[in-house]
Amino acid sequence: MADAEPVDALAGKLKRTEIQHRTSSLPGRDIVQVLTEIPAGVESGWHTHPGEEVGYILAGTVEMRIEGQPTLTLHTGDAILMPPGTAHNARDLGPDTGPTLSTYIVEPDEPLASFVDVT
């Protein structure tokens, strides 16, 4: 497990632990696996990723808002696939901090996540 925390705009709102970061066999892509912990009642903020996100809710309940789509309520054991560049906002509904395991298939040397303005 990597000791370094991913550094980007979301790092101040939630805890993310990078488990692995490897060059993919897909040309021009890295694979990054991250354990994300959002405290109960906290939102990630609207953001995008420079590639696909494959997420799995390890525990708890998460409200997932995706731009232009109905709000999803995800529970322990649910999975989600987020297309590249899709604006989304996750909120932990509690009662405890809910961990999510996400695997990102992203462009190398790009920030893992970027905040966006969704109105």
PDB file of N, CA and C in Angstrom:
ATOM      1  N   MET A   1       0.850  -1.172   0.000  1.00  0.00           N
ATOM      2  CA  MET A   1       0.000   0.000   0.000  1.00  0.00           C
ATOM      3  C   MET A   1       0.894   1.233   0.000  1.00  0.00           C
ATOM      4  N   ALA A   2       0.559   2.226  -0.778  1.00  0.00           N
ATOM      5  CA  ALA A   2       1.340   3.450  -0.845  1.00  0.00           C
ATOM      6  C   ALA A   2       1.096   4.294   0.395  1.00  0.00           C
ATOM      7  N   ASP A   3       2.155   4.978   0.861  1.00  0.00           N
ATOM      8  CA  ASP A   3       2.020   5.829   2.041  1.00  0.00           C
ATOM      9  C   ASP A   3       1.549   7.224   1.676  1.00  0.00           C
ATOM     10  N   ALA A   4       1.799   7.658   0.464  1.00  0.00           N
ATOM     11  CA  ALA A   4       1.463   9.022   0.062  1.00  0.00           C
ATOM     12  C   ALA A   4      -0.017   9.152  -0.249  1.00  0.00           C
ATOM     13  N   GLU A   5      -0.579  10.266   0.192  1.00  0.00           N
ATOM     14  CA  GLU A   5      -1.970  10.580  -0.126  1.00  0.00           C
ATOM     15  C   GLU A   5      -2.016  11.256  -1.491  1.00  0.00           C
ATOM     16  N   PRO A   6      -3.029  10.979  -2.297  1.00  0.00           N
ATOM     17  CA  PRO A   6      -3.182  11.719  -3.547  1.00  0.00           C
ATOM     18  C   PRO A   6      -3.383  13.206  -3.238  1.00  0.00           C
ATOM     19  N   VAL A   7      -2.732  14.058  -3.986  1.00  0.00           N
ATOM     20  CA  VAL A   7      -2.830  15.492  -3.732  1.00  0.00           C
ATOM     21  C   VAL A   7      -3.599  16.141  -4.875  1.00  0.00           C
ATOM     22  N   ASP A   8      -4.774  16.673  -4.572  1.00  0.00           N
ATOM     23  CA  ASP A   8      -5.567  17.422  -5.530  1.00  0.00           C
ATOM     24  C   ASP A   8      -6.607  18.211  -4.746  1.00  0.00           C
ATOM     25  N   ALA A   9      -7.537  18.843  -5.454  1.00  0.00           N
ATOM     26  CA  ALA A   9      -8.497  19.730  -4.813  1.00  0.00           C
ATOM     27  C   ALA A   9      -9.444  19.031  -3.849  1.00  0.00           C
ATOM     28  N   LEU A  10      -9.640  17.718  -3.990  1.00  0.00           N
ATOM     29  CA  LEU A  10     -10.566  17.013  -3.105  1.00  0.00           C
ATOM     30  C   LEU A  10      -9.919  16.586  -1.797  1.00  0.00           C
ATOM     31  N   ALA A  11      -8.601  16.613  -1.715  1.00  0.00           N
ATOM     32  CA  ALA A  11      -7.894  16.064  -0.563  1.00  0.00           C
ATOM     33  C   ALA A  11      -8.301  16.729   0.752  1.00  0.00           C
ATOM     34  N   GLY A  12      -8.744  17.986   0.737  1.00  0.00           N
ATOM     35  CA  GLY A  12      -9.131  18.663   1.959  1.00  0.00           C
ATOM     36  C   GLY A  12     -10.533  18.330   2.439  1.00  0.00           C
ATOM     37  N   LYS A  13     -11.350  17.661   1.640  1.00  0.00           N
ATOM     38  CA  LYS A  13     -12.734  17.373   1.997  1.00  0.00           C
ATOM     39  C   LYS A  13     -12.946  15.948   2.481  1.00  0.00           C
ATOM     40  N   LEU A  14     -12.062  15.050   2.089  1.00  0.00           N
ATOM     41  CA  LEU A  14     -12.238  13.638   2.383  1.00  0.00           C
ATOM     42  C   LEU A  14     -10.872  12.983   2.479  1.00  0.00           C
ATOM     43  N   LYS A  15     -10.843  11.760   2.950  1.00  0.00           N
ATOM     44  CA  LYS A  15      -9.578  11.036   3.057  1.00  0.00           C
ATOM     45  C   LYS A  15      -9.470  10.050   1.906  1.00  0.00           C
ATOM     46  N   ARG A  16      -8.350  10.140   1.187  1.00  0.00           N
ATOM     47  CA  ARG A  16      -8.111   9.191   0.101  1.00  0.00           C
ATOM     48  C   ARG A  16      -6.749   8.545   0.302  1.00  0.00           C
ATOM     49  N   THR A  17      -6.714   7.228   0.245  1.00  0.00           N
ATOM     50  CA  THR A  17      -5.482   6.478   0.371  1.00  0.00           C
ATOM     51  C   THR A  17      -5.232   5.754  -0.946  1.00  0.00           C
ATOM     52  N   GLU A  18      -4.149   6.100  -1.605  1.00  0.00           N
ATOM     53  CA  GLU A  18      -3.803   5.444  -2.867  1.00  0.00           C
ATOM     54  C   GLU A  18      -3.245   4.059  -2.555  1.00  0.00           C
ATOM     55  N   ILE A  19      -3.887   3.042  -3.091  1.00  0.00           N
ATOM     56  CA  ILE A  19      -3.484   1.662  -2.856  1.00  0.00           C
ATOM     57  C   ILE A  19      -2.446   1.229  -3.881  1.00  0.00           C
ATOM     58  N   GLN A  20      -2.686   1.597  -5.134  1.00  0.00           N
ATOM     59  CA  GLN A  20      -1.705   1.304  -6.169  1.00  0.00           C
ATOM     60  C   GLN A  20      -1.866   2.270  -7.333  1.00  0.00           C
ATOM     61  N   HIS A  21      -0.773   2.469  -8.049  1.00  0.00           N
ATOM     62  CA  HIS A  21      -0.755   3.324  -9.238  1.00  0.00           C
ATOM     63  C   HIS A  21       0.218   2.675 -10.216  1.00  0.00           C
ATOM     64  N   ARG A  22      -0.329   2.186 -11.316  1.00  0.00           N
ATOM     65  CA  ARG A  22       0.469   1.438 -12.292  1.00  0.00           C
ATOM     66  C   ARG A  22       0.175   1.919 -13.717  1.00  0.00           C
ATOM     67  N   THR A  23       1.161   1.746 -14.580  1.00  0.00           N
ATOM     68  CA  THR A  23       0.955   1.983 -15.999  1.00  0.00           C
ATOM     69  C   THR A  23       0.087   0.846 -16.531  1.00  0.00           C
ATOM     70  N   SER A  24      -0.929   1.204 -17.300  1.00  0.00           N
ATOM     71  CA  SER A  24      -1.856   0.220 -17.860  1.00  0.00           C
ATOM     72  C   SER A  24      -1.309  -0.375 -19.150  1.00  0.00           C
ATOM     73  N   SER A  25      -1.837  -1.526 -19.520  1.00  0.00           N
ATOM     74  CA  SER A  25      -1.518  -2.089 -20.833  1.00  0.00           C
ATOM     75  C   SER A  25      -2.264  -1.334 -21.938  1.00  0.00           C
ATOM     76  N   LEU A  26      -3.261  -0.537 -21.534  1.00  0.00           N
ATOM     77  CA  LEU A  26      -3.960   0.327 -22.487  1.00  0.00           C
ATOM     78  C   LEU A  26      -3.067   1.528 -22.768  1.00  0.00           C
ATOM     79  N   PRO A  27      -2.730   1.781 -24.025  1.00  0.00           N
ATOM     80  CA  PRO A  27      -1.840   2.902 -24.332  1.00  0.00           C
ATOM     81  C   PRO A  27      -2.390   4.226 -23.797  1.00  0.00           C
ATOM     82  N   GLY A  28      -1.515   5.007 -23.176  1.00  0.00           N
ATOM     83  CA  GLY A  28      -1.892   6.329 -22.706  1.00  0.00           C
ATOM     84  C   GLY A  28      -2.766   6.336 -21.465  1.00  0.00           C
ATOM     85  N   ARG A  29      -2.769   5.259 -20.686  1.00  0.00           N
ATOM     86  CA  ARG A  29      -3.602   5.188 -19.478  1.00  0.00           C
ATOM     87  C   ARG A  29      -2.808   4.621 -18.309  1.00  0.00           C
ATOM     88  N   ASP A  30      -3.107   5.145 -17.126  1.00  0.00           N
ATOM     89  CA  ASP A  30      -2.635   4.589 -15.870  1.00  0.00           C
ATOM     90  C   ASP A  30      -3.833   4.007 -15.142  1.00  0.00           C
ATOM     91  N   ILE A  31      -3.579   3.060 -14.250  1.00  0.00           N
ATOM     92  CA  ILE A  31      -4.621   2.517 -13.383  1.00  0.00           C
ATOM     93  C   ILE A  31      -4.266   2.919 -11.954  1.00  0.00           C
ATOM     94  N   VAL A  32      -5.204   3.604 -11.301  1.00  0.00           N
ATOM     95  CA  VAL A  32      -5.000   4.081  -9.942  1.00  0.00           C
ATOM     96  C   VAL A  32      -6.132   3.534  -9.085  1.00  0.00           C
ATOM     97  N   GLN A  33      -5.774   2.864  -7.997  1.00  0.00           N
ATOM     98  CA  GLN A  33      -6.786   2.325  -7.097  1.00  0.00           C
ATOM     99  C   GLN A  33      -6.706   3.106  -5.784  1.00  0.00           C
ATOM    100  N   VAL A  34      -7.879   3.563  -5.308  1.00  0.00           N
ATOM    101  CA  VAL A  34      -7.940   4.467  -4.164  1.00  0.00           C
ATOM    102  C   VAL A  34      -9.060   4.049  -3.209  1.00  0.00           C
ATOM    103  N   LEU A  35      -8.764   4.087  -1.920  1.00  0.00           N
ATOM    104  CA  LEU A  35      -9.779   3.940  -0.886  1.00  0.00           C
ATOM    105  C   LEU A  35     -10.174   5.342  -0.469  1.00  0.00           C
ATOM    106  N   THR A  36     -11.456   5.688  -0.663  1.00  0.00           N
ATOM    107  CA  THR A  36     -11.961   7.015  -0.320  1.00  0.00           C
ATOM    108  C   THR A  36     -12.887   6.903   0.880  1.00  0.00           C
ATOM    109  N   GLU A  37     -12.691   7.786   1.851  1.00  0.00           N
ATOM    110  CA  GLU A  37     -13.535   7.829   3.037  1.00  0.00           C
ATOM    111  C   GLU A  37     -14.099   9.237   3.184  1.00  0.00           C
ATOM    112  N   ILE A  38     -15.426   9.343   3.008  1.00  0.00           N
ATOM    113  CA  ILE A  38     -16.111  10.626   3.143  1.00  0.00           C
ATOM    114  C   ILE A  38     -16.821  10.617   4.497  1.00  0.00           C
ATOM    115  N   PRO A  39     -16.552  11.575   5.368  1.00  0.00           N
ATOM    116  CA  PRO A  39     -17.249  11.605   6.655  1.00  0.00           C
ATOM    117  C   PRO A  39     -18.756  11.752   6.467  1.00  0.00           C
ATOM    118  N   ALA A  40     -19.525  11.216   7.398  1.00  0.00           N
ATOM    119  CA  ALA A  40     -20.986  11.303   7.343  1.00  0.00           C
ATOM    120  C   ALA A  40     -21.429  12.752   7.186  1.00  0.00           C
ATOM    121  N   GLY A  41     -22.335  12.974   6.225  1.00  0.00           N
ATOM    122  CA  GLY A  41     -22.889  14.300   5.978  1.00  0.00           C
ATOM    123  C   GLY A  41     -22.052  15.183   5.078  1.00  0.00           C
ATOM    124  N   VAL A  42     -20.866  14.758   4.707  1.00  0.00           N
ATOM    125  CA  VAL A  42     -19.959  15.566   3.889  1.00  0.00           C
ATOM    126  C   VAL A  42     -20.124  15.202   2.407  1.00  0.00           C
ATOM    127  N   GLU A  43     -20.040  16.222   1.551  1.00  0.00           N
ATOM    128  CA  GLU A  43     -20.078  16.026   0.105  1.00  0.00           C
ATOM    129  C   GLU A  43     -18.666  16.104  -0.449  1.00  0.00           C
ATOM    130  N   SER A  44     -18.425  15.366  -1.498  1.00  0.00           N
ATOM    131  CA  SER A  44     -17.124  15.441  -2.169  1.00  0.00           C
ATOM    132  C   SER A  44     -16.964  16.766  -2.897  1.00  0.00           C
ATOM    133  N   GLY A  45     -18.072  17.347  -3.328  1.00  0.00           N
ATOM    134  CA  GLY A  45     -18.041  18.505  -4.215  1.00  0.00           C
ATOM    135  C   GLY A  45     -18.111  18.021  -5.652  1.00  0.00           C
ATOM    136  N   TRP A  46     -18.680  18.822  -6.527  1.00  0.00           N
ATOM    137  CA  TRP A  46     -18.796  18.442  -7.938  1.00  0.00           C
ATOM    138  C   TRP A  46     -17.404  18.365  -8.534  1.00  0.00           C
ATOM    139  N   HIS A  47     -17.115  17.244  -9.186  1.00  0.00           N
ATOM    140  CA  HIS A  47     -15.792  17.027  -9.756  1.00  0.00           C
ATOM    141  C   HIS A  47     -15.869  16.063 -10.929  1.00  0.00           C
ATOM    142  N   THR A  48     -14.766  15.979 -11.662  1.00  0.00           N
ATOM    143  CA  THR A  48     -14.637  15.052 -12.780  1.00  0.00           C
ATOM    144  C   THR A  48     -13.308  14.302 -12.632  1.00  0.00           C
ATOM    145  N   HIS A  49     -13.166  13.240 -13.419  1.00  0.00           N
ATOM    146  CA  HIS A  49     -11.923  12.478 -13.485  1.00  0.00           C
ATOM    147  C   HIS A  49     -11.496  12.386 -14.948  1.00  0.00           C
ATOM    148  N   PRO A  50     -10.187  12.329 -15.216  1.00  0.00           N
ATOM    149  CA  PRO A  50      -9.701  12.282 -16.602  1.00  0.00           C
ATOM    150  C   PRO A  50      -9.733  10.886 -17.207  1.00  0.00           C
ATOM    151  N   GLY A  51     -10.672  10.084 -16.770  1.00  0.00           N
ATOM    152  CA  GLY A  51     -10.841   8.724 -17.278  1.00  0.00           C
ATOM    153  C   GLY A  51     -11.957   8.048 -16.513  1.00  0.00           C
ATOM    154  N   GLU A  52     -12.165   6.768 -16.770  1.00  0.00           N
ATOM    155  CA  GLU A  52     -13.237   6.024 -16.109  1.00  0.00           C
ATOM    156  C   GLU A  52     -12.953   5.844 -14.624  1.00  0.00           C
ATOM    157  N   GLU A  53     -14.044   5.842 -13.845  1.00  0.00           N
ATOM    158  CA  GLU A  53     -13.984   5.468 -12.432  1.00  0.00           C
ATOM    159  C   GLU A  53     -14.893   4.264 -12.242  1.00  0.00           C
ATOM    160  N   VAL A  54     -14.347   3.203 -11.660  1.00  0.00           N
ATOM    161  CA  VAL A  54     -15.121   2.021 -11.311  1.00  0.00           C
ATOM    162  C   VAL A  54     -15.125   1.969  -9.791  1.00  0.00           C
ATOM    163  N   GLY A  55     -16.296   2.220  -9.176  1.00  0.00           N
ATOM    164  CA  GLY A  55     -16.369   2.322  -7.726  1.00  0.00           C
ATOM    165  C   GLY A  55     -17.210   1.230  -7.100  1.00  0.00           C
ATOM    166  N   TYR A  56     -16.884   0.889  -5.843  1.00  0.00           N
ATOM    167  CA  TYR A  56     -17.596  -0.132  -5.091  1.00  0.00           C
ATOM    168  C   TYR A  56     -17.763   0.365  -3.662  1.00  0.00           C
ATOM    169  N   ILE A  57     -19.019   0.421  -3.188  1.00  0.00           N
ATOM    170  CA  ILE A  57     -19.317   0.903  -1.836  1.00  0.00           C
ATOM    171  C   ILE A  57     -19.014  -0.220  -0.852  1.00  0.00           C
ATOM    172  N   LEU A  58     -18.000  -0.030  -0.016  1.00  0.00           N
ATOM    173  CA  LEU A  58     -17.601  -1.054   0.949  1.00  0.00           C
ATOM    174  C   LEU A  58     -18.516  -1.091   2.169  1.00  0.00           C
ATOM    175  N   ALA A  59     -19.028   0.080   2.564  1.00  0.00           N
ATOM    176  CA  ALA A  59     -19.928   0.155   3.722  1.00  0.00           C
ATOM    177  C   ALA A  59     -20.675   1.475   3.672  1.00  0.00           C
ATOM    178  N   GLY A  60     -21.889   1.477   4.234  1.00  0.00           N
ATOM    179  CA  GLY A  60     -22.644   2.713   4.351  1.00  0.00           C
ATOM    180  C   GLY A  60     -23.558   2.995   3.176  1.00  0.00           C
ATOM    181  N   THR A  61     -23.977   4.255   3.112  1.00  0.00           N
ATOM    182  CA  THR A  61     -24.906   4.713   2.077  1.00  0.00           C
ATOM    183  C   THR A  61     -24.389   6.023   1.504  1.00  0.00           C
ATOM    184  N   VAL A  62     -24.350   6.113   0.193  1.00  0.00           N
ATOM    185  CA  VAL A  62     -23.841   7.290  -0.505  1.00  0.00           C
ATOM    186  C   VAL A  62     -24.893   7.792  -1.480  1.00  0.00           C
ATOM    187  N   GLU A  63     -25.162   9.092  -1.420  1.00  0.00           N
ATOM    188  CA  GLU A  63     -26.005   9.742  -2.422  1.00  0.00           C
ATOM    189  C   GLU A  63     -25.084  10.221  -3.537  1.00  0.00           C
ATOM    190  N   MET A  64     -25.338   9.758  -4.760  1.00  0.00           N
ATOM    191  CA  MET A  64     -24.506  10.120  -5.897  1.00  0.00           C
ATOM    192  C   MET A  64     -25.319  10.956  -6.870  1.00  0.00           C
ATOM    193  N   ARG A  65     -24.927  12.220  -7.003  1.00  0.00           N
ATOM    194  CA  ARG A  65     -25.546  13.087  -7.997  1.00  0.00           C
ATOM    195  C   ARG A  65     -24.632  13.139  -9.209  1.00  0.00           C
ATOM    196  N   ILE A  66     -25.231  12.926 -10.378  1.00  0.00           N
ATOM    197  CA  ILE A  66     -24.500  12.920 -11.636  1.00  0.00           C
ATOM    198  C   ILE A  66     -25.171  13.934 -12.552  1.00  0.00           C
ATOM    199  N   GLU A  67     -24.388  14.831 -13.102  1.00  0.00           N
ATOM    200  CA  GLU A  67     -24.949  15.897 -13.935  1.00  0.00           C
ATOM    201  C   GLU A  67     -25.830  15.316 -15.033  1.00  0.00           C
ATOM    202  N   GLY A  68     -27.077  15.811 -15.111  1.00  0.00           N
ATOM    203  CA  GLY A  68     -28.006  15.421 -16.155  1.00  0.00           C
ATOM    204  C   GLY A  68     -28.697  14.090 -15.939  1.00  0.00           C
ATOM    205  N   GLN A  69     -28.500  13.471 -14.759  1.00  0.00           N
ATOM    206  CA  GLN A  69     -29.111  12.173 -14.481  1.00  0.00           C
ATOM    207  C   GLN A  69     -29.826  12.205 -13.135  1.00  0.00           C
ATOM    208  N   PRO A  70     -30.735  11.253 -12.906  1.00  0.00           N
ATOM    209  CA  PRO A  70     -31.393  11.178 -11.599  1.00  0.00           C
ATOM    210  C   PRO A  70     -30.382  10.837 -10.502  1.00  0.00           C
ATOM    211  N   THR A  71     -30.634  11.324  -9.300  1.00  0.00           N
ATOM    212  CA  THR A  71     -29.792  11.028  -8.148  1.00  0.00           C
ATOM    213  C   THR A  71     -29.882   9.546  -7.802  1.00  0.00           C
ATOM    214  N   LEU A  72     -28.740   8.945  -7.490  1.00  0.00           N
ATOM    215  CA  LEU A  72     -28.677   7.545  -7.096  1.00  0.00           C
ATOM    216  C   LEU A  72     -28.416   7.448  -5.602  1.00  0.00           C
ATOM    217  N   THR A  73     -28.990   6.444  -4.959  1.00  0.00           N
ATOM    218  CA  THR A  73     -28.645   6.121  -3.580  1.00  0.00           C
ATOM    219  C   THR A  73     -27.960   4.767  -3.613  1.00  0.00           C
ATOM    220  N   LEU A  74     -26.681   4.763  -3.242  1.00  0.00           N
ATOM    221  CA  LEU A  74     -25.863   3.556  -3.297  1.00  0.00           C
ATOM    222  C   LEU A  74     -25.649   3.022  -1.888  1.00  0.00           C
ATOM    223  N   HIS A  75     -25.747   1.712  -1.743  1.00  0.00           N
ATOM    224  CA  HIS A  75     -25.613   1.048  -0.446  1.00  0.00           C
ATOM    225  C   HIS A  75     -24.428   0.092  -0.469  1.00  0.00           C
ATOM    226  N   THR A  76     -24.074  -0.418   0.698  1.00  0.00           N
ATOM    227  CA  THR A  76     -23.007  -1.409   0.810  1.00  0.00           C
ATOM    228  C   THR A  76     -23.169  -2.480  -0.272  1.00  0.00           C
ATOM    229  N   GLY A  77     -22.100  -2.726  -1.023  1.00  0.00           N
ATOM    230  CA  GLY A  77     -22.125  -3.745  -2.064  1.00  0.00           C
ATOM    231  C   GLY A  77     -22.515  -3.241  -3.437  1.00  0.00           C
ATOM    232  N   ASP A  78     -22.960  -1.984  -3.538  1.00  0.00           N
ATOM    233  CA  ASP A  78     -23.312  -1.423  -4.842  1.00  0.00           C
ATOM    234  C   ASP A  78     -22.053  -0.956  -5.568  1.00  0.00           C
ATOM    235  N   ALA A  79     -22.125  -0.975  -6.887  1.00  0.00           N
ATOM    236  CA  ALA A  79     -21.015  -0.529  -7.728  1.00  0.00           C
ATOM    237  C   ALA A  79     -21.500   0.584  -8.650  1.00  0.00           C
ATOM    238  N   ILE A  80     -20.549   1.364  -9.145  1.00  0.00           N
ATOM    239  CA  ILE A  80     -20.878   2.437 -10.075  1.00  0.00           C
ATOM    240  C   ILE A  80     -19.758   2.568 -11.101  1.00  0.00           C
ATOM    241  N   LEU A  81     -20.136   2.903 -12.317  1.00  0.00           N
ATOM    242  CA  LEU A  81     -19.176   3.192 -13.378  1.00  0.00           C
ATOM    243  C   LEU A  81     -19.405   4.632 -13.811  1.00  0.00           C
ATOM    244  N   MET A  82     -18.380   5.469 -13.669  1.00  0.00           N
ATOM    245  CA  MET A  82     -18.482   6.881 -14.027  1.00  0.00           C
ATOM    246  C   MET A  82     -17.644   7.121 -15.277  1.00  0.00           C
ATOM    247  N   PRO A  83     -18.288   7.547 -16.373  1.00  0.00           N
ATOM    248  CA  PRO A  83     -17.532   7.815 -17.609  1.00  0.00           C
ATOM    249  C   PRO A  83     -16.558   8.987 -17.434  1.00  0.00           C
ATOM    250  N   PRO A  84     -15.523   9.062 -18.263  1.00  0.00           N
ATOM    251  CA  PRO A  84     -14.551  10.149 -18.174  1.00  0.00           C
ATOM    252  C   PRO A  84     -15.209  11.512 -18.319  1.00  0.00           C
ATOM    253  N   GLY A  85     -14.745  12.460 -17.523  1.00  0.00           N
ATOM    254  CA  GLY A  85     -15.207  13.837 -17.637  1.00  0.00           C
ATOM    255  C   GLY A  85     -16.625  14.094 -17.176  1.00  0.00           C
ATOM    256  N   THR A  86     -17.273  13.114 -16.556  1.00  0.00           N
ATOM    257  CA  THR A  86     -18.654  13.270 -16.102  1.00  0.00           C
ATOM    258  C   THR A  86     -18.673  13.923 -14.715  1.00  0.00           C
ATOM    259  N   ALA A  87     -19.336  15.063 -14.608  1.00  0.00           N
ATOM    260  CA  ALA A  87     -19.423  15.770 -13.328  1.00  0.00           C
ATOM    261  C   ALA A  87     -20.321  15.000 -12.363  1.00  0.00           C
ATOM    262  N   HIS A  88     -19.832  14.804 -11.142  1.00  0.00           N
ATOM    263  CA  HIS A  88     -20.607  14.090 -10.127  1.00  0.00           C
ATOM    264  C   HIS A  88     -20.221  14.585  -8.735  1.00  0.00           C
ATOM    265  N   ASN A  89     -21.099  14.307  -7.775  1.00  0.00           N
ATOM    266  CA  ASN A  89     -20.930  14.756  -6.396  1.00  0.00           C
ATOM    267  C   ASN A  89     -21.453  13.660  -5.480  1.00  0.00           C
ATOM    268  N   ALA A  90     -20.601  13.142  -4.608  1.00  0.00           N
ATOM    269  CA  ALA A  90     -20.987  12.084  -3.678  1.00  0.00           C
ATOM    270  C   ALA A  90     -21.166  12.677  -2.284  1.00  0.00           C
ATOM    271  N   ARG A  91     -22.222  12.246  -1.599  1.00  0.00           N
ATOM    272  CA  ARG A  91     -22.452  12.672  -0.210  1.00  0.00           C
ATOM    273  C   ARG A  91     -22.689  11.436   0.633  1.00  0.00           C
ATOM    274  N   ASP A  92     -21.927  11.309   1.711  1.00  0.00           N
ATOM    275  CA  ASP A  92     -22.099  10.189   2.631  1.00  0.00           C
ATOM    276  C   ASP A  92     -23.325  10.461   3.488  1.00  0.00           C
ATOM    277  N   LEU A  93     -24.287   9.560   3.453  1.00  0.00           N
ATOM    278  CA  LEU A  93     -25.529   9.738   4.204  1.00  0.00           C
ATOM    279  C   LEU A  93     -25.442   9.217   5.634  1.00  0.00           C
ATOM    280  N   GLY A  94     -24.290   8.651   6.003  1.00  0.00           N
ATOM    281  CA  GLY A  94     -24.084   8.223   7.386  1.00  0.00           C
ATOM    282  C   GLY A  94     -24.733   6.894   7.700  1.00  0.00           C
ATOM    283  N   PRO A  95     -24.807   6.527   8.948  1.00  0.00           N
ATOM    284  CA  PRO A  95     -24.452   7.353  10.103  1.00  0.00           C
ATOM    285  C   PRO A  95     -22.955   7.438  10.347  1.00  0.00           C
ATOM    286  N   ASP A  96     -22.143   6.578   9.728  1.00  0.00           N
ATOM    287  CA  ASP A  96     -20.697   6.598   9.919  1.00  0.00           C
ATOM    288  C   ASP A  96     -20.008   6.927   8.602  1.00  0.00           C
ATOM    289  N   THR A  97     -18.710   7.134   8.687  1.00  0.00           N
ATOM    290  CA  THR A  97     -17.912   7.326   7.481  1.00  0.00           C
ATOM    291  C   THR A  97     -17.999   6.071   6.628  1.00  0.00           C
ATOM    292  N   GLY A  98     -18.324   6.256   5.359  1.00  0.00           N
ATOM    293  CA  GLY A  98     -18.472   5.120   4.451  1.00  0.00           C
ATOM    294  C   GLY A  98     -17.317   5.034   3.488  1.00  0.00           C
ATOM    295  N   PRO A  99     -16.593   3.928   3.489  1.00  0.00           N
ATOM    296  CA  PRO A  99     -15.481   3.780   2.549  1.00  0.00           C
ATOM    297  C   PRO A  99     -15.944   3.272   1.178  1.00  0.00           C
ATOM    298  N   THR A 100     -15.293   3.780   0.148  1.00  0.00           N
ATOM    299  CA  THR A 100     -15.526   3.346  -1.229  1.00  0.00           C
ATOM    300  C   THR A 100     -14.183   2.990  -1.851  1.00  0.00           C
ATOM    301  N   LEU A 101     -14.133   1.872  -2.546  1.00  0.00           N
ATOM    302  CA  LEU A 101     -12.939   1.485  -3.280  1.00  0.00           C
ATOM    303  C   LEU A 101     -13.174   1.850  -4.742  1.00  0.00           C
ATOM    304  N   SER A 102     -12.304   2.697  -5.280  1.00  0.00           N
ATOM    305  CA  SER A 102     -12.436   3.120  -6.673  1.00  0.00           C
ATOM    306  C   SER A 102     -11.175   2.796  -7.440  1.00  0.00           C
ATOM    307  N   THR A 103     -11.381   2.349  -8.669  1.00  0.00           N
ATOM    308  CA  THR A 103     -10.281   2.127  -9.593  1.00  0.00           C
ATOM    309  C   THR A 103     -10.488   3.099 -10.753  1.00  0.00           C
ATOM    310  N   TYR A 104      -9.459   3.872 -11.034  1.00  0.00           N
ATOM    311  CA  TYR A 104      -9.511   4.885 -12.080  1.00  0.00           C
ATOM    312  C   TYR A 104      -8.608   4.452 -13.224  1.00  0.00           C
ATOM    313  N   ILE A 105      -9.111   4.555 -14.447  1.00  0.00           N
ATOM    314  CA  ILE A 105      -8.332   4.288 -15.649  1.00  0.00           C
ATOM    315  C   ILE A 105      -8.191   5.640 -16.328  1.00  0.00           C
ATOM    316  N   VAL A 106      -7.060   6.295 -16.084  1.00  0.00           N
ATOM    317  CA  VAL A 106      -6.928   7.720 -16.365  1.00  0.00           C
ATOM    318  C   VAL A 106      -5.707   8.042 -17.217  1.00  0.00           C
ATOM    319  N   GLU A 107      -5.714   9.265 -17.729  1.00  0.00           N
ATOM    320  CA  GLU A 107      -4.572   9.778 -18.469  1.00  0.00           C
ATOM    321  C   GLU A 107      -3.430  10.029 -17.487  1.00  0.00           C
ATOM    322  N   PRO A 108      -2.225   9.584 -17.824  1.00  0.00           N
ATOM    323  CA  PRO A 108      -1.085   9.843 -16.941  1.00  0.00           C
ATOM    324  C   PRO A 108      -0.818  11.348 -16.808  1.00  0.00           C
ATOM    325  N   ASP A 109      -0.250  11.724 -15.689  1.00  0.00           N
ATOM    326  CA  ASP A 109       0.182  13.104 -15.446  1.00  0.00           C
ATOM    327  C   ASP A 109      -0.966  14.114 -15.400  1.00  0.00           C
ATOM    328  N   GLU A 110      -2.194  13.647 -15.288  1.00  0.00           N
ATOM    329  CA  GLU A 110      -3.353  14.527 -15.097  1.00  0.00           C
ATOM    330  C   GLU A 110      -3.768  14.434 -13.633  1.00  0.00           C
ATOM    331  N   PRO A 111      -4.364  15.492 -13.066  1.00  0.00           N
ATOM    332  CA  PRO A 111      -4.879  15.366 -11.703  1.00  0.00           C
ATOM    333  C   PRO A 111      -5.945  14.274 -11.664  1.00  0.00           C
ATOM    334  N   LEU A 112      -5.976  13.510 -10.591  1.00  0.00           N
ATOM    335  CA  LEU A 112      -6.942  12.420 -10.484  1.00  0.00           C
ATOM    336  C   LEU A 112      -8.367  12.954 -10.484  1.00  0.00           C
ATOM    337  N   ALA A 113      -8.560  14.149  -9.913  1.00  0.00           N
ATOM    338  CA  ALA A 113      -9.894  14.761  -9.866  1.00  0.00           C
ATOM    339  C   ALA A 113      -9.747  16.280  -9.975  1.00  0.00           C
ATOM    340  N   SER A 114     -10.757  16.898 -10.589  1.00  0.00           N
ATOM    341  CA  SER A 114     -10.788  18.361 -10.717  1.00  0.00           C
ATOM    342  C   SER A 114     -12.177  18.856 -10.367  1.00  0.00           C
ATOM    343  N   PHE A 115     -12.255  19.891  -9.511  1.00  0.00           N
ATOM    344  CA  PHE A 115     -13.543  20.490  -9.189  1.00  0.00           C
ATOM    345  C   PHE A 115     -14.125  21.165 -10.431  1.00  0.00           C
ATOM    346  N   VAL A 116     -15.438  21.140 -10.538  1.00  0.00           N
ATOM    347  CA  VAL A 116     -16.138  21.802 -11.632  1.00  0.00           C
ATOM    348  C   VAL A 116     -17.316  22.566 -11.067  1.00  0.00           C
ATOM    349  N   ASP A 117     -17.768  23.568 -11.790  1.00  0.00           N
ATOM    350  CA  ASP A 117     -18.930  24.360 -11.396  1.00  0.00           C
ATOM    351  C   ASP A 117     -20.168  23.808 -12.117  1.00  0.00           C
ATOM    352  N   VAL A 118     -21.089  23.259 -11.351  1.00  0.00           N
ATOM    353  CA  VAL A 118     -22.337  22.745 -11.913  1.00  0.00           C
ATOM    354  C   VAL A 118     -23.469  23.601 -11.366  1.00  0.00           C
ATOM    355  N   THR A 119     -24.179  24.248 -12.263  1.00  0.00           N
ATOM    356  CA  THR A 119     -25.297  25.103 -11.811  1.00  0.00           C
ATOM    357  C   THR A 119     -26.604  24.626 -12.357  1.00  0.00           C
TER     358      THR A 119
END
